Amino acid sequence: MKFGIFYEHQLPRPWKENDELKLYQDALDQVELADNLGIDYVWEVEHHFLEEYAHSSAPEVFLAACSKRLRISPLGPWN
């Protein structure tokens, strides 16, 4: 059995300055922890115009940042 993690980057209102930055930094920290724990893959959605539901209009940018930190493969978008 393989295990993975899946990101939508949800951020409910009200937003404060740097909340989105913290959301992504926390997600990258979680992905790094998942890699250290032996998680097999990382998926990320691509959603547009869903302000609170998903802050992930460019998953390839997040996945590129993940690939810099990880051994996990595969990394991929989920549509």
Protein backbone atom coordinates (compact mmCIF):
# COMPACT_ATOMS: atom_id res chain seq x y z
CA MET A 1 0.00 0.00 0.00
CA LYS A 2 1.24 3.49 -0.83
CA PHE A 3 0.34 6.73 0.89
CA GLY A 4 0.39 10.27 -0.37
CA ILE A 5 -0.70 13.77 0.48
CA PHE A 6 -3.01 16.07 -1.46
CA TYR A 7 -3.10 19.87 -1.32
CA GLU A 8 -5.79 22.42 -2.13
CA HIS A 9 -4.33 25.23 0.02
CA GLN A 10 -7.56 26.34 1.65
CA LEU A 11 -7.49 29.72 3.40
CA PRO A 12 -10.72 31.08 4.87
CA ARG A 13 -11.34 34.79 5.28
CA PRO A 14 -10.51 37.16 6.86
CA TRP A 15 -6.99 37.27 5.45
CA LYS A 16 -4.15 39.14 7.06
CA GLU A 17 -0.96 40.28 5.43
CA ASN A 18 1.32 37.33 4.64
CA ASP A 19 -1.37 34.69 5.35
CA GLU A 20 -0.95 33.22 1.87
CA LEU A 21 2.82 33.17 2.24
CA LYS A 22 2.48 31.34 5.57
CA LEU A 23 0.01 28.89 3.99
CA TYR A 24 2.58 27.89 1.35
CA GLN A 25 5.50 27.86 3.78
CA ASP A 26 3.55 25.57 6.11
CA ALA A 27 2.63 23.29 3.19
CA LEU A 28 6.29 23.03 2.13
CA ASP A 29 7.26 22.19 5.72
CA GLN A 30 4.53 19.51 5.79
CA VAL A 31 5.73 18.04 2.50
CA GLU A 32 9.28 17.88 3.83
CA LEU A 33 8.02 16.11 6.97
CA ALA A 34 5.98 13.71 4.82
CA ASP A 35 9.10 12.90 2.82
CA ASN A 36 11.01 12.14 6.02
CA LEU A 37 8.14 9.91 7.18
CA GLY A 38 8.18 7.90 3.94
CA ILE A 39 5.12 9.26 2.14
CA ASP A 40 5.10 8.04 -1.47
CA TYR A 41 3.70 10.96 -3.47
CA VAL A 42 2.39 14.53 -3.41
CA TRP A 43 -0.58 15.83 -5.43
CA GLU A 44 -1.82 19.38 -5.84
CA VAL A 45 -5.03 20.66 -7.43
CA GLU A 46 -5.35 23.48 -9.92
CA HIS A 47 -8.33 25.69 -9.12
CA HIS A 48 -9.09 29.22 -10.28
CA PHE A 49 -11.40 31.85 -8.81
CA LEU A 50 -12.18 29.92 -5.63
CA GLU A 51 -10.90 32.46 -3.12
CA GLU A 52 -11.36 30.56 0.13
CA TYR A 53 -11.57 27.02 -1.20
CA ALA A 54 -8.26 26.71 -3.03
CA HIS A 55 -5.29 29.03 -3.37
CA SER A 56 -3.66 26.92 -6.05
CA SER A 57 -3.97 28.41 -9.50
CA ALA A 58 -0.43 27.35 -10.50
CA PRO A 59 0.37 23.93 -9.02
CA GLU A 60 3.56 23.57 -11.04
CA VAL A 61 5.13 26.41 -9.01
CA PHE A 62 4.34 24.71 -5.69
CA LEU A 63 5.46 21.33 -7.03
CA ALA A 64 8.72 22.84 -8.30
CA ALA A 65 9.37 24.21 -4.81
CA CYS A 66 8.58 20.74 -3.40
CA SER A 67 10.96 19.03 -5.81
CA LYS A 68 13.78 21.21 -4.56
CA ARG A 69 13.35 19.84 -1.03
CA LEU A 70 12.30 16.20 -1.55
CA ARG A 71 13.10 12.70 -2.67
CA ILE A 72 9.37 11.91 -3.17
CA SER A 73 8.37 10.88 -6.63
CA PRO A 74 5.90 11.34 -8.17
CA LEU A 75 4.86 14.92 -7.67
CA GLY A 76 1.93 15.92 -9.79
CA PRO A 77 -1.07 18.12 -10.47
CA TRP A 78 -4.55 16.79 -9.84
CA ASN A 79 -7.31 18.22 -12.00
